[in-house]
């Protein structure tokens, strides 16, 4: 893949995907609550995404100017693109909550928030060690010490804290948070049992990835139910008791799918490995052993080896090598595949 395609994929993932998700969420919610008759057309969706991109451009320009951010190459757009990637989730979440394209005063409010964060950062030294810890905060980065592992766990729980703080379903937020974390940890342990044969005791990377995935899945269920309740009228809200039960039902459905997929991936990997091992160690019949020791067998073996060598250099040899790599790495990469299933 060339650099241009890699760059476009990064733009789609970090800037485009959050915008499209928020536009689709608001449109779907409007239809479900009766505020709209039909979903948006492709042109209407594209128009909203374009307006949100304009919001991002205005905000990134204002932030780079007010914070006096500089780049080594004045003609390069790397700073603006990086800021756009940071601002895309912020703009998307704001639109998802309000259902309205941001106004100038909203952009000013976001810019002021970033100025506050800049002031906060000035109280700390920008040593290489600090930069390294920040770079390794994402779950896919292997923690290099216990402190980094703790920081990654705290970072992963942030979406859960946001969900409970926004809407605790009439329960005590602290008690509800502990209850949810206990339940999530139980689900993570169940998934890890499928992967136990592929994990070393010191490898915490996959645990963090699975933990963050399950938290994200729960948070989506939590916010979805919160949006449904908030969209109710006063009379309808009085008739329906406030309960977190619906969240657990949605969460259980998603976890069942995730566990089924995990079991399927690990199971298919076991079948491939067992078949390979059986083929390699299958005992020979005594008559076959005698046949191998004859001159004719040596000549036949030489011809077969020559053909095998030619085939290994043929146009299909690339794929056979790839299949061997897949068989070897299938199970060890299962935790990464589980992480990618968060959007089910």
C-alpha atoms as a PDB file:
ATOM      1  CA  UNK A   1       0.000   0.000   0.000  1.00  0.00           C
ATOM      2  CA  UNK A   2       1.448   3.372  -1.008  1.00  0.00           C
ATOM      3  CA  UNK A   3       1.660   6.414   1.286  1.00  0.00           C
ATOM      4  CA  UNK A   4      -1.303   8.164  -0.333  1.00  0.00           C
ATOM      5  CA  UNK A   5      -3.637   5.249   0.359  1.00  0.00           C
ATOM      6  CA  UNK A   6      -2.335   4.921   3.915  1.00  0.00           C
ATOM      7  CA  UNK A   7      -2.962   8.631   4.469  1.00  0.00           C
ATOM      8  CA  UNK A   8      -6.516   8.391   3.102  1.00  0.00           C
ATOM      9  CA  UNK A   9      -7.300   5.415   5.335  1.00  0.00           C
ATOM     10  CA  UNK A  10      -6.102   7.363   8.362  1.00  0.00           C
ATOM     11  CA  UNK A  11      -8.324  10.298   7.352  1.00  0.00           C
ATOM     12  CA  UNK A  12     -11.324   7.990   6.955  1.00  0.00           C
ATOM     13  CA  UNK A  13     -10.692   6.284  10.298  1.00  0.00           C
ATOM     14  CA  UNK A  14      -9.773   9.204  12.550  1.00  0.00           C
ATOM     15  CA  UNK A  15     -11.770  12.073  10.995  1.00  0.00           C
ATOM     16  CA  UNK A  16     -14.491  10.660   8.764  1.00  0.00           C
ATOM     17  CA  UNK A  17     -15.745   7.673  10.794  1.00  0.00           C
ATOM     18  CA  UNK A  18     -16.688   9.627  13.966  1.00  0.00           C
ATOM     19  CA  UNK A  19     -18.568  12.210  11.877  1.00  0.00           C
ATOM     20  CA  UNK A  20     -20.497   9.637   9.868  1.00  0.00           C
ATOM     21  CA  UNK A  21     -21.351   7.648  13.015  1.00  0.00           C
ATOM     22  CA  UNK A  22     -22.774  10.700  14.792  1.00  0.00           C
ATOM     23  CA  UNK A  23     -24.815  11.798  11.752  1.00  0.00           C
ATOM     24  CA  UNK A  24     -26.240   8.293  11.366  1.00  0.00           C
ATOM     25  CA  UNK A  25     -26.987   8.048  15.104  1.00  0.00           C
ATOM     26  CA  UNK A  26     -28.909  11.339  15.182  1.00  0.00           C
ATOM     27  CA  UNK A  27     -30.875  10.451  12.029  1.00  0.00           C
ATOM     28  CA  UNK A  28     -31.808   7.005  13.350  1.00  0.00           C
ATOM     29  CA  UNK A  29     -32.826   8.428  16.724  1.00  0.00           C
ATOM     30  CA  UNK A  30     -35.061  10.993  15.030  1.00  0.00           C
ATOM     31  CA  UNK A  31     -36.945   8.256  13.158  1.00  0.00           C
ATOM     32  CA  UNK A  32     -37.267   6.026  16.235  1.00  0.00           C
ATOM     33  CA  UNK A  33     -38.693   8.857  18.349  1.00  0.00           C
ATOM     34  CA  UNK A  34     -41.098  10.019  15.637  1.00  0.00           C
ATOM     35  CA  UNK A  35     -39.330  13.324  15.004  1.00  0.00           C
ATOM     36  CA  UNK A  36     -38.687  12.329  11.379  1.00  0.00           C
ATOM     37  CA  UNK A  37     -40.528  10.093   8.925  1.00  0.00           C
ATOM     38  CA  UNK A  38     -37.558   8.770   6.963  1.00  0.00           C
ATOM     39  CA  UNK A  39     -33.812   8.406   7.287  1.00  0.00           C
ATOM     40  CA  UNK A  40     -31.552  10.938   5.602  1.00  0.00           C
ATOM     41  CA  UNK A  41     -30.765  10.548   1.925  1.00  0.00           C
ATOM     42  CA  UNK A  42     -27.148  10.113   0.842  1.00  0.00           C
ATOM     43  CA  UNK A  43     -27.006  13.740  -0.273  1.00  0.00           C
ATOM     44  CA  UNK A  44     -28.404  14.978   3.053  1.00  0.00           C
ATOM     45  CA  UNK A  45     -25.918  12.869   4.986  1.00  0.00           C
ATOM     46  CA  UNK A  46     -23.032  14.150   2.847  1.00  0.00           C
ATOM     47  CA  UNK A  47     -24.211  17.735   3.404  1.00  0.00           C
ATOM     48  CA  UNK A  48     -24.222  17.315   7.191  1.00  0.00           C
ATOM     49  CA  UNK A  49     -20.786  15.687   7.196  1.00  0.00           C
ATOM     50  CA  UNK A  50     -19.492  18.600   5.082  1.00  0.00           C
ATOM     51  CA  UNK A  51     -20.867  21.118   7.587  1.00  0.00           C
ATOM     52  CA  UNK A  52     -19.261  19.262  10.479  1.00  0.00           C
ATOM     53  CA  UNK A  53     -15.962  19.184   8.574  1.00  0.00           C
ATOM     54  CA  UNK A  54     -16.250  22.962   8.272  1.00  0.00           C
ATOM     55  CA  UNK A  55     -16.704  23.108  12.057  1.00  0.00           C
ATOM     56  CA  UNK A  56     -13.546  21.048  12.496  1.00  0.00           C
ATOM     57  CA  UNK A  57     -11.578  23.282  10.121  1.00  0.00           C
ATOM     58  CA  UNK A  58     -12.653  26.454  11.961  1.00  0.00           C
ATOM     59  CA  UNK A  59     -11.881  24.951  15.363  1.00  0.00           C
ATOM     60  CA  UNK A  60      -8.457  23.596  14.356  1.00  0.00           C
ATOM     61  CA  UNK A  61      -7.445  26.943  12.830  1.00  0.00           C
ATOM     62  CA  UNK A  62      -8.557  28.818  15.952  1.00  0.00           C
ATOM     63  CA  UNK A  63      -6.745  26.424  18.283  1.00  0.00           C
ATOM     64  CA  UNK A  64      -3.468  26.444  16.335  1.00  0.00           C
ATOM     65  CA  UNK A  65      -3.563  30.258  16.311  1.00  0.00           C
ATOM     66  CA  UNK A  66      -4.476  30.800  19.964  1.00  0.00           C
ATOM     67  CA  UNK A  67      -2.100  28.149  21.284  1.00  0.00           C
ATOM     68  CA  UNK A  68       0.684  29.352  18.971  1.00  0.00           C
ATOM     69  CA  UNK A  69       1.382  25.863  17.656  1.00  0.00           C
ATOM     70  CA  UNK A  70       4.164  25.679  15.099  1.00  0.00           C
ATOM     71  CA  UNK A  71       5.353  23.141  12.553  1.00  0.00           C
ATOM     72  CA  UNK A  72       8.797  22.677  11.048  1.00  0.00           C
ATOM     73  CA  UNK A  73       7.468  23.012   7.503  1.00  0.00           C
ATOM     74  CA  UNK A  74       5.126  26.042   7.066  1.00  0.00           C
ATOM     75  CA  UNK A  75       3.727  24.556   3.852  1.00  0.00           C
ATOM     76  CA  UNK A  76       2.913  21.210   5.488  1.00  0.00           C
ATOM     77  CA  UNK A  77      -0.627  20.381   6.622  1.00  0.00           C
ATOM     78  CA  UNK A  78       0.445  17.828   9.227  1.00  0.00           C
ATOM     79  CA  UNK A  79      -0.484  20.083  12.166  1.00  0.00           C
ATOM     80  CA  UNK A  80      -3.952  20.900  10.801  1.00  0.00           C
ATOM     81  CA  UNK A  81      -4.647  17.244  10.000  1.00  0.00           C
ATOM     82  CA  UNK A  82      -3.518  16.156  13.476  1.00  0.00           C
ATOM     83  CA  UNK A  83      -5.733  18.753  15.134  1.00  0.00           C
ATOM     84  CA  UNK A  84      -8.635  17.694  12.926  1.00  0.00           C
ATOM     85  CA  UNK A  85      -8.174  14.093  14.102  1.00  0.00           C
ATOM     86  CA  UNK A  86      -8.258  15.263  17.719  1.00  0.00           C
ATOM     87  CA  UNK A  87     -11.300  17.494  17.188  1.00  0.00           C
ATOM     88  CA  UNK A  88     -13.381  15.067  15.134  1.00  0.00           C
ATOM     89  CA  UNK A  89     -14.606  13.033  18.160  1.00  0.00           C
ATOM     90  CA  UNK A  90     -15.298  16.279  20.071  1.00  0.00           C
ATOM     91  CA  UNK A  91     -17.377  17.783  17.257  1.00  0.00           C
ATOM     92  CA  UNK A  92     -19.085  14.445  16.603  1.00  0.00           C
ATOM     93  CA  UNK A  93     -20.089  13.951  20.248  1.00  0.00           C
ATOM     94  CA  UNK A  94     -21.431  17.493  20.458  1.00  0.00           C
ATOM     95  CA  UNK A  95     -23.560  16.964  17.351  1.00  0.00           C
ATOM     96  CA  UNK A  96     -24.703  13.569  18.632  1.00  0.00           C
ATOM     97  CA  UNK A  97     -25.969  15.125  21.874  1.00  0.00           C
ATOM     98  CA  UNK A  98     -27.582  18.259  20.421  1.00  0.00           C
ATOM     99  CA  UNK A  99     -28.540  17.130  16.926  1.00  0.00           C
ATOM    100  CA  UNK A 100     -27.429  20.541  15.641  1.00  0.00           C
ATOM    101  CA  UNK A 101     -24.416  21.666  13.611  1.00  0.00           C
ATOM    102  CA  UNK A 102     -22.115  23.716  15.809  1.00  0.00           C
ATOM    103  CA  UNK A 103     -22.374  27.499  15.825  1.00  0.00           C
ATOM    104  CA  UNK A 104     -19.516  29.971  16.186  1.00  0.00           C
ATOM    105  CA  UNK A 105     -20.105  30.296  19.936  1.00  0.00           C
ATOM    106  CA  UNK A 106     -19.854  26.502  20.289  1.00  0.00           C
ATOM    107  CA  UNK A 107     -16.505  26.515  18.492  1.00  0.00           C
ATOM    108  CA  UNK A 108     -15.290  29.333  20.742  1.00  0.00           C
ATOM    109  CA  UNK A 109     -16.278  27.285  23.778  1.00  0.00           C
ATOM    110  CA  UNK A 110     -14.277  24.298  22.511  1.00  0.00           C
ATOM    111  CA  UNK A 111     -11.290  26.535  21.772  1.00  0.00           C
ATOM    112  CA  UNK A 112     -11.426  27.974  25.287  1.00  0.00           C
ATOM    113  CA  UNK A 113     -11.424  24.452  26.709  1.00  0.00           C
ATOM    114  CA  UNK A 114      -8.243  23.636  24.796  1.00  0.00           C
ATOM    115  CA  UNK A 115      -6.659  26.852  26.095  1.00  0.00           C
ATOM    116  CA  UNK A 116      -7.423  25.670  29.630  1.00  0.00           C
ATOM    117  CA  UNK A 117      -5.786  22.320  28.876  1.00  0.00           C
ATOM    118  CA  UNK A 118      -2.736  24.141  27.490  1.00  0.00           C
ATOM    119  CA  UNK A 119      -2.465  26.121  30.735  1.00  0.00           C
ATOM    120  CA  UNK A 120      -2.730  22.878  32.669  1.00  0.00           C
ATOM    121  CA  UNK A 121       0.064  21.277  30.618  1.00  0.00           C
ATOM    122  CA  UNK A 122       2.390  24.198  31.355  1.00  0.00           C
ATOM    123  CA  UNK A 123       2.608  23.006  34.972  1.00  0.00           C
ATOM    124  CA  UNK A 124       4.457  19.870  33.876  1.00  0.00           C
ATOM    125  CA  UNK A 125       7.820  19.316  32.228  1.00  0.00           C
ATOM    126  CA  UNK A 126       7.847  17.940  28.691  1.00  0.00           C
ATOM    127  CA  UNK A 127      10.523  15.337  29.361  1.00  0.00           C
ATOM    128  CA  UNK A 128      10.937  12.364  26.990  1.00  0.00           C
ATOM    129  CA  UNK A 129       9.657  10.019  29.734  1.00  0.00           C
ATOM    130  CA  UNK A 130       6.372  11.932  29.898  1.00  0.00           C
ATOM    131  CA  UNK A 131       5.964  11.846  26.135  1.00  0.00           C
ATOM    132  CA  UNK A 132       6.644   8.095  26.105  1.00  0.00           C
ATOM    133  CA  UNK A 133       3.961   7.435  28.724  1.00  0.00           C
ATOM    134  CA  UNK A 134       1.394   9.444  26.773  1.00  0.00           C
ATOM    135  CA  UNK A 135       2.256   7.626  23.541  1.00  0.00           C
ATOM    136  CA  UNK A 136       1.837   4.251  25.272  1.00  0.00           C
ATOM    137  CA  UNK A 137      -1.556   5.039  26.835  1.00  0.00           C
ATOM    138  CA  UNK A 138      -3.550   3.343  24.018  1.00  0.00           C
ATOM    139  CA  UNK A 139      -4.458  -0.265  24.806  1.00  0.00           C
ATOM    140  CA  UNK A 140      -2.583  -1.704  21.814  1.00  0.00           C
ATOM    141  CA  UNK A 141       0.721  -0.509  23.310  1.00  0.00           C
ATOM    142  CA  UNK A 142       2.386  -3.065  25.573  1.00  0.00           C
ATOM    143  CA  UNK A 143       2.915  -1.628  29.097  1.00  0.00           C
ATOM    144  CA  UNK A 144       6.590  -1.455  30.016  1.00  0.00           C
ATOM    145  CA  UNK A 145       6.009  -1.310  33.793  1.00  0.00           C
ATOM    146  CA  UNK A 146       3.263  -1.619  36.437  1.00  0.00           C
ATOM    147  CA  UNK A 147       2.669   2.132  36.512  1.00  0.00           C
ATOM    148  CA  UNK A 148       1.971   2.179  32.773  1.00  0.00           C
ATOM    149  CA  UNK A 149      -0.392  -0.799  33.170  1.00  0.00           C
ATOM    150  CA  UNK A 150      -2.315   1.094  35.862  1.00  0.00           C
ATOM    151  CA  UNK A 151      -2.520   4.190  33.660  1.00  0.00           C
ATOM    152  CA  UNK A 152      -3.849   2.120  30.746  1.00  0.00           C
ATOM    153  CA  UNK A 153      -6.508   0.556  32.976  1.00  0.00           C
ATOM    154  CA  UNK A 154      -7.605   3.976  34.231  1.00  0.00           C
ATOM    155  CA  UNK A 155      -7.675   5.306  30.670  1.00  0.00           C
ATOM    156  CA  UNK A 156      -9.846   2.382  29.623  1.00  0.00           C
ATOM    157  CA  UNK A 157     -12.397   3.011  32.392  1.00  0.00           C
ATOM    158  CA  UNK A 158     -12.930   6.673  31.390  1.00  0.00           C
ATOM    159  CA  UNK A 159     -15.813   5.882  28.939  1.00  0.00           C
ATOM    160  CA  UNK A 160     -17.525   3.941  31.730  1.00  0.00           C
ATOM    161  CA  UNK A 161     -17.154   6.851  34.146  1.00  0.00           C
ATOM    162  CA  UNK A 162     -18.602   9.206  31.529  1.00  0.00           C
ATOM    163  CA  UNK A 163     -21.597   6.935  30.983  1.00  0.00           C
ATOM    164  CA  UNK A 164     -22.437   6.519  34.676  1.00  0.00           C
ATOM    165  CA  UNK A 165     -21.868  10.209  35.419  1.00  0.00           C
ATOM    166  CA  UNK A 166     -24.150  11.269  32.565  1.00  0.00           C
ATOM    167  CA  UNK A 167     -27.030   8.981  33.567  1.00  0.00           C
ATOM    168  CA  UNK A 168     -26.888   6.730  36.679  1.00  0.00           C
ATOM    169  CA  UNK A 169     -30.498   5.488  36.244  1.00  0.00           C
ATOM    170  CA  UNK A 170     -31.507   6.826  39.636  1.00  0.00           C
ATOM    171  CA  UNK A 171     -28.858   4.772  41.447  1.00  0.00           C
ATOM    172  CA  UNK A 172     -25.865   5.887  43.473  1.00  0.00           C
ATOM    173  CA  UNK A 173     -23.143   6.514  40.816  1.00  0.00           C
ATOM    174  CA  UNK A 174     -20.302   4.995  42.863  1.00  0.00           C
ATOM    175  CA  UNK A 175     -22.230   1.819  43.709  1.00  0.00           C
ATOM    176  CA  UNK A 176     -23.439   1.475  40.112  1.00  0.00           C
ATOM    177  CA  UNK A 177     -19.891   1.934  38.779  1.00  0.00           C
ATOM    178  CA  UNK A 178     -18.551  -0.822  41.045  1.00  0.00           C
ATOM    179  CA  UNK A 179     -21.401  -3.131  40.024  1.00  0.00           C
ATOM    180  CA  UNK A 180     -20.719  -2.552  36.316  1.00  0.00           C
ATOM    181  CA  UNK A 181     -16.956  -3.020  36.662  1.00  0.00           C
ATOM    182  CA  UNK A 182     -17.484  -6.312  38.526  1.00  0.00           C
ATOM    183  CA  UNK A 183     -19.799  -7.553  35.782  1.00  0.00           C
ATOM    184  CA  UNK A 184     -17.432  -6.433  33.006  1.00  0.00           C
ATOM    185  CA  UNK A 185     -14.456  -8.112  34.684  1.00  0.00           C
ATOM    186  CA  UNK A 186     -16.445 -11.363  34.822  1.00  0.00           C
ATOM    187  CA  UNK A 187     -17.145 -11.125  31.083  1.00  0.00           C
ATOM    188  CA  UNK A 188     -13.477 -10.416  30.346  1.00  0.00           C
ATOM    189  CA  UNK A 189     -12.438 -13.485  32.353  1.00  0.00           C
ATOM    190  CA  UNK A 190     -14.867 -15.644  30.368  1.00  0.00           C
ATOM    191  CA  UNK A 191     -13.377 -14.480  27.079  1.00  0.00           C
ATOM    192  CA  UNK A 192      -9.817 -14.934  28.333  1.00  0.00           C
ATOM    193  CA  UNK A 193     -10.573 -18.590  29.158  1.00  0.00           C
ATOM    194  CA  UNK A 194     -10.908 -19.164  25.408  1.00  0.00           C
ATOM    195  CA  UNK A 195      -7.451 -17.671  24.893  1.00  0.00           C
ATOM    196  CA  UNK A 196      -5.663 -19.084  27.950  1.00  0.00           C
ATOM    197  CA  UNK A 197      -3.455 -21.460  25.956  1.00  0.00           C
ATOM    198  CA  UNK A 198      -2.094 -18.608  23.854  1.00  0.00           C
ATOM    199  CA  UNK A 199      -1.313 -16.130  26.621  1.00  0.00           C
ATOM    200  CA  UNK A 200       1.824 -15.915  28.731  1.00  0.00           C
ATOM    201  CA  UNK A 201       1.326 -14.924  32.389  1.00  0.00           C
ATOM    202  CA  UNK A 202       3.269 -11.698  31.855  1.00  0.00           C
ATOM    203  CA  UNK A 203       1.369 -10.628  28.748  1.00  0.00           C
ATOM    204  CA  UNK A 204      -1.177  -8.005  29.842  1.00  0.00           C
ATOM    205  CA  UNK A 205      -1.709  -6.435  26.431  1.00  0.00           C
ATOM    206  CA  UNK A 206      -4.564  -8.694  25.331  1.00  0.00           C
ATOM    207  CA  UNK A 207      -6.285  -8.338  28.719  1.00  0.00           C
ATOM    208  CA  UNK A 208      -6.325  -4.550  28.349  1.00  0.00           C
ATOM    209  CA  UNK A 209      -7.606  -4.820  24.780  1.00  0.00           C
ATOM    210  CA  UNK A 210     -10.458  -7.134  25.754  1.00  0.00           C
ATOM    211  CA  UNK A 211     -11.239  -5.039  28.840  1.00  0.00           C
ATOM    212  CA  UNK A 212     -11.470  -1.833  26.792  1.00  0.00           C
ATOM    213  CA  UNK A 213     -13.572  -3.551  24.138  1.00  0.00           C
ATOM    214  CA  UNK A 214     -16.139  -4.787  26.664  1.00  0.00           C
ATOM    215  CA  UNK A 215     -16.248  -1.362  28.342  1.00  0.00           C
ATOM    216  CA  UNK A 216     -16.889   0.312  25.000  1.00  0.00           C
ATOM    217  CA  UNK A 217     -19.674  -2.146  24.207  1.00  0.00           C
ATOM    218  CA  UNK A 218     -21.328  -1.494  27.570  1.00  0.00           C
ATOM    219  CA  UNK A 219     -20.976   2.288  27.200  1.00  0.00           C
ATOM    220  CA  UNK A 220     -22.726   2.171  23.827  1.00  0.00           C
ATOM    221  CA  UNK A 221     -25.646   0.282  25.382  1.00  0.00           C
ATOM    222  CA  UNK A 222     -25.755   2.718  28.316  1.00  0.00           C
ATOM    223  CA  UNK A 223     -25.844   5.842  26.146  1.00  0.00           C
ATOM    224  CA  UNK A 224     -28.337   4.276  23.738  1.00  0.00           C
ATOM    225  CA  UNK A 225     -30.831   3.623  26.544  1.00  0.00           C
ATOM    226  CA  UNK A 226     -30.143   7.068  28.007  1.00  0.00           C
ATOM    227  CA  UNK A 227     -30.963   8.694  24.645  1.00  0.00           C
ATOM    228  CA  UNK A 228     -34.180   6.662  24.397  1.00  0.00           C
ATOM    229  CA  UNK A 229     -35.330   7.760  27.849  1.00  0.00           C
ATOM    230  CA  UNK A 230     -34.347  11.401  27.292  1.00  0.00           C
ATOM    231  CA  UNK A 231     -36.374  11.436  24.067  1.00  0.00           C
ATOM    232  CA  UNK A 232     -39.554  10.459  25.967  1.00  0.00           C
ATOM    233  CA  UNK A 233     -42.172  12.986  26.842  1.00  0.00           C
ATOM    234  CA  UNK A 234     -42.874  13.802  30.493  1.00  0.00           C
ATOM    235  CA  UNK A 235     -46.037  11.682  30.568  1.00  0.00           C
ATOM    236  CA  UNK A 236     -44.375   8.674  28.920  1.00  0.00           C
ATOM    237  CA  UNK A 237     -41.421   8.942  31.280  1.00  0.00           C
ATOM    238  CA  UNK A 238     -43.749   8.874  34.291  1.00  0.00           C
ATOM    239  CA  UNK A 239     -45.487   5.747  33.000  1.00  0.00           C
ATOM    240  CA  UNK A 240     -42.196   3.863  32.525  1.00  0.00           C
ATOM    241  CA  UNK A 241     -40.091   3.047  35.558  1.00  0.00           C
ATOM    242  CA  UNK A 242     -36.456   4.134  35.405  1.00  0.00           C
ATOM    243  CA  UNK A 243     -34.376   0.951  35.241  1.00  0.00           C
ATOM    244  CA  UNK A 244     -31.003  -0.200  33.952  1.00  0.00           C
ATOM    245  CA  UNK A 245     -32.423  -3.623  33.040  1.00  0.00           C
ATOM    246  CA  UNK A 246     -32.733  -2.744  29.342  1.00  0.00           C
ATOM    247  CA  UNK A 247     -29.036  -1.830  29.255  1.00  0.00           C
ATOM    248  CA  UNK A 248     -28.113  -5.257  30.605  1.00  0.00           C
ATOM    249  CA  UNK A 249     -30.337  -6.974  28.043  1.00  0.00           C
ATOM    250  CA  UNK A 250     -28.612  -5.137  25.163  1.00  0.00           C
ATOM    251  CA  UNK A 251     -25.214  -5.766  26.719  1.00  0.00           C
ATOM    252  CA  UNK A 252     -25.890  -9.498  27.146  1.00  0.00           C
ATOM    253  CA  UNK A 253     -26.906  -9.791  23.495  1.00  0.00           C
ATOM    254  CA  UNK A 254     -23.680  -8.179  22.324  1.00  0.00           C
ATOM    255  CA  UNK A 255     -21.546 -10.235  24.685  1.00  0.00           C
ATOM    256  CA  UNK A 256     -23.178 -13.470  23.467  1.00  0.00           C
ATOM    257  CA  UNK A 257     -22.237 -12.535  19.897  1.00  0.00           C
ATOM    258  CA  UNK A 258     -18.696 -11.638  20.918  1.00  0.00           C
ATOM    259  CA  UNK A 259     -18.213 -14.898  22.839  1.00  0.00           C
ATOM    260  CA  UNK A 260     -19.657 -16.925  19.975  1.00  0.00           C
ATOM    261  CA  UNK A 261     -17.270 -15.283  17.534  1.00  0.00           C
ATOM    262  CA  UNK A 262     -14.313 -15.777  19.885  1.00  0.00           C
ATOM    263  CA  UNK A 263     -15.158 -19.469  20.337  1.00  0.00           C
ATOM    264  CA  UNK A 264     -15.518 -19.850  16.573  1.00  0.00           C
ATOM    265  CA  UNK A 265     -12.130 -18.250  15.898  1.00  0.00           C
ATOM    266  CA  UNK A 266     -10.295 -20.283  18.545  1.00  0.00           C
ATOM    267  CA  UNK A 267     -12.112 -23.496  17.564  1.00  0.00           C
ATOM    268  CA  UNK A 268     -11.231 -23.196  13.887  1.00  0.00           C
ATOM    269  CA  UNK A 269      -7.624 -22.489  14.845  1.00  0.00           C
ATOM    270  CA  UNK A 270      -7.521 -25.678  16.961  1.00  0.00           C
ATOM    271  CA  UNK A 271      -8.865 -27.765  14.066  1.00  0.00           C
ATOM    272  CA  UNK A 272      -6.187 -26.419  11.699  1.00  0.00           C
ATOM    273  CA  UNK A 273      -3.388 -27.011  14.197  1.00  0.00           C
ATOM    274  CA  UNK A 274      -4.558 -30.553  15.073  1.00  0.00           C
ATOM    275  CA  UNK A 275      -4.893 -31.468  11.396  1.00  0.00           C
ATOM    276  CA  UNK A 276      -1.397 -30.154  10.680  1.00  0.00           C
ATOM    277  CA  UNK A 277       0.091 -32.061  13.623  1.00  0.00           C
ATOM    278  CA  UNK A 278      -1.677 -35.281  12.577  1.00  0.00           C
ATOM    279  CA  UNK A 279      -0.356 -35.008   9.026  1.00  0.00           C
ATOM    280  CA  UNK A 280       3.180 -34.462  10.248  1.00  0.00           C
ATOM    281  CA  UNK A 281       3.327 -37.305  12.811  1.00  0.00           C
ATOM    282  CA  UNK A 282       1.142 -39.991  11.168  1.00  0.00           C
ATOM    283  CA  UNK A 283       3.053 -43.347  11.511  1.00  0.00           C
ATOM    284  CA  UNK A 284       4.064 -45.221   8.383  1.00  0.00           C
ATOM    285  CA  UNK A 285       3.066 -48.797   7.594  1.00  0.00           C
ATOM    286  CA  UNK A 286       6.041 -51.272   7.747  1.00  0.00           C
ATOM    287  CA  UNK A 287       5.724 -52.006   4.019  1.00  0.00           C
ATOM    288  CA  UNK A 288       6.083 -48.294   3.308  1.00  0.00           C
ATOM    289  CA  UNK A 289       9.212 -48.108   5.443  1.00  0.00           C
ATOM    290  CA  UNK A 290      10.781 -50.983   3.427  1.00  0.00           C
ATOM    291  CA  UNK A 291       9.832 -49.307   0.163  1.00  0.00           C
ATOM    292  CA  UNK A 292      11.614 -46.140   1.222  1.00  0.00           C
ATOM    293  CA  UNK A 293      14.930 -47.971   1.500  1.00  0.00           C
ATOM    294  CA  UNK A 294      15.002 -49.251  -2.134  1.00  0.00           C
ATOM    295  CA  UNK A 295      17.017 -47.525  -4.944  1.00  0.00           C
ATOM    296  CA  UNK A 296      13.779 -46.955  -6.870  1.00  0.00           C
ATOM    297  CA  UNK A 297      12.343 -45.103  -3.865  1.00  0.00           C
ATOM    298  CA  UNK A 298      15.469 -42.924  -3.643  1.00  0.00           C
ATOM    299  CA  UNK A 299      15.128 -41.979  -7.321  1.00  0.00           C
ATOM    300  CA  UNK A 300      11.404 -41.250  -6.931  1.00  0.00           C
ATOM    301  CA  UNK A 301      12.105 -39.168  -3.824  1.00  0.00           C
ATOM    302  CA  UNK A 302      14.689 -37.090  -5.701  1.00  0.00           C
ATOM    303  CA  UNK A 303      12.206 -36.383  -8.515  1.00  0.00           C
ATOM    304  CA  UNK A 304       9.503 -35.395  -6.019  1.00  0.00           C
ATOM    305  CA  UNK A 305      11.899 -33.102  -4.154  1.00  0.00           C
ATOM    306  CA  UNK A 306      12.863 -31.449  -7.445  1.00  0.00           C
ATOM    307  CA  UNK A 307       9.188 -30.900  -8.305  1.00  0.00           C
ATOM    308  CA  UNK A 308       8.491 -29.553  -4.833  1.00  0.00           C
ATOM    309  CA  UNK A 309      11.388 -27.102  -5.194  1.00  0.00           C
ATOM    310  CA  UNK A 310      10.025 -25.896  -8.528  1.00  0.00           C
ATOM    311  CA  UNK A 311       6.514 -25.507  -7.101  1.00  0.00           C
ATOM    312  CA  UNK A 312       7.833 -23.498  -4.159  1.00  0.00           C
ATOM    313  CA  UNK A 313       9.191 -21.000  -6.652  1.00  0.00           C
ATOM    314  CA  UNK A 314       6.023 -20.956  -8.764  1.00  0.00           C
ATOM    315  CA  UNK A 315       3.406 -18.205  -8.899  1.00  0.00           C
ATOM    316  CA  UNK A 316       1.257 -19.858  -6.188  1.00  0.00           C
ATOM    317  CA  UNK A 317       4.082 -20.317  -3.682  1.00  0.00           C
ATOM    318  CA  UNK A 318       3.374 -16.906  -2.161  1.00  0.00           C
ATOM    319  CA  UNK A 319      -0.098 -18.007  -1.060  1.00  0.00           C
ATOM    320  CA  UNK A 320       1.099 -21.306   0.409  1.00  0.00           C
ATOM    321  CA  UNK A 321       3.641 -19.419   2.505  1.00  0.00           C
ATOM    322  CA  UNK A 322       0.917 -17.039   3.613  1.00  0.00           C
ATOM    323  CA  UNK A 323      -1.331 -19.929   4.673  1.00  0.00           C
ATOM    324  CA  UNK A 324       1.464 -21.386   6.804  1.00  0.00           C
ATOM    325  CA  UNK A 325       1.882 -18.010   8.501  1.00  0.00           C
ATOM    326  CA  UNK A 326      -1.860 -17.763   9.103  1.00  0.00           C
ATOM    327  CA  UNK A 327      -1.939 -21.218  10.695  1.00  0.00           C
ATOM    328  CA  UNK A 328       0.927 -20.329  12.988  1.00  0.00           C
ATOM    329  CA  UNK A 329      -0.383 -16.917  13.985  1.00  0.00           C
ATOM    330  CA  UNK A 330      -4.146 -17.502  13.922  1.00  0.00           C
ATOM    331  CA  UNK A 331      -4.632 -18.272  17.581  1.00  0.00           C
ATOM    332  CA  UNK A 332      -2.029 -15.846  18.918  1.00  0.00           C
ATOM    333  CA  UNK A 333      -3.791 -13.008  17.071  1.00  0.00           C
ATOM    334  CA  UNK A 334      -7.240 -13.959  18.344  1.00  0.00           C
ATOM    335  CA  UNK A 335      -7.217 -11.254  21.034  1.00  0.00           C
ATOM    336  CA  UNK A 336      -6.635  -8.641  18.341  1.00  0.00           C
ATOM    337  CA  UNK A 337      -9.588 -10.003  16.360  1.00  0.00           C
ATOM    338  CA  UNK A 338     -11.775  -9.793  19.469  1.00  0.00           C
ATOM    339  CA  UNK A 339     -10.890  -6.115  19.787  1.00  0.00           C
ATOM    340  CA  UNK A 340     -12.000  -5.467  16.212  1.00  0.00           C
ATOM    341  CA  UNK A 341     -15.475  -6.875  16.987  1.00  0.00           C
ATOM    342  CA  UNK A 342     -16.418  -3.940  19.234  1.00  0.00           C
ATOM    343  CA  UNK A 343     -18.729  -2.470  16.636  1.00  0.00           C
ATOM    344  CA  UNK A 344     -20.969  -5.518  16.340  1.00  0.00           C
END
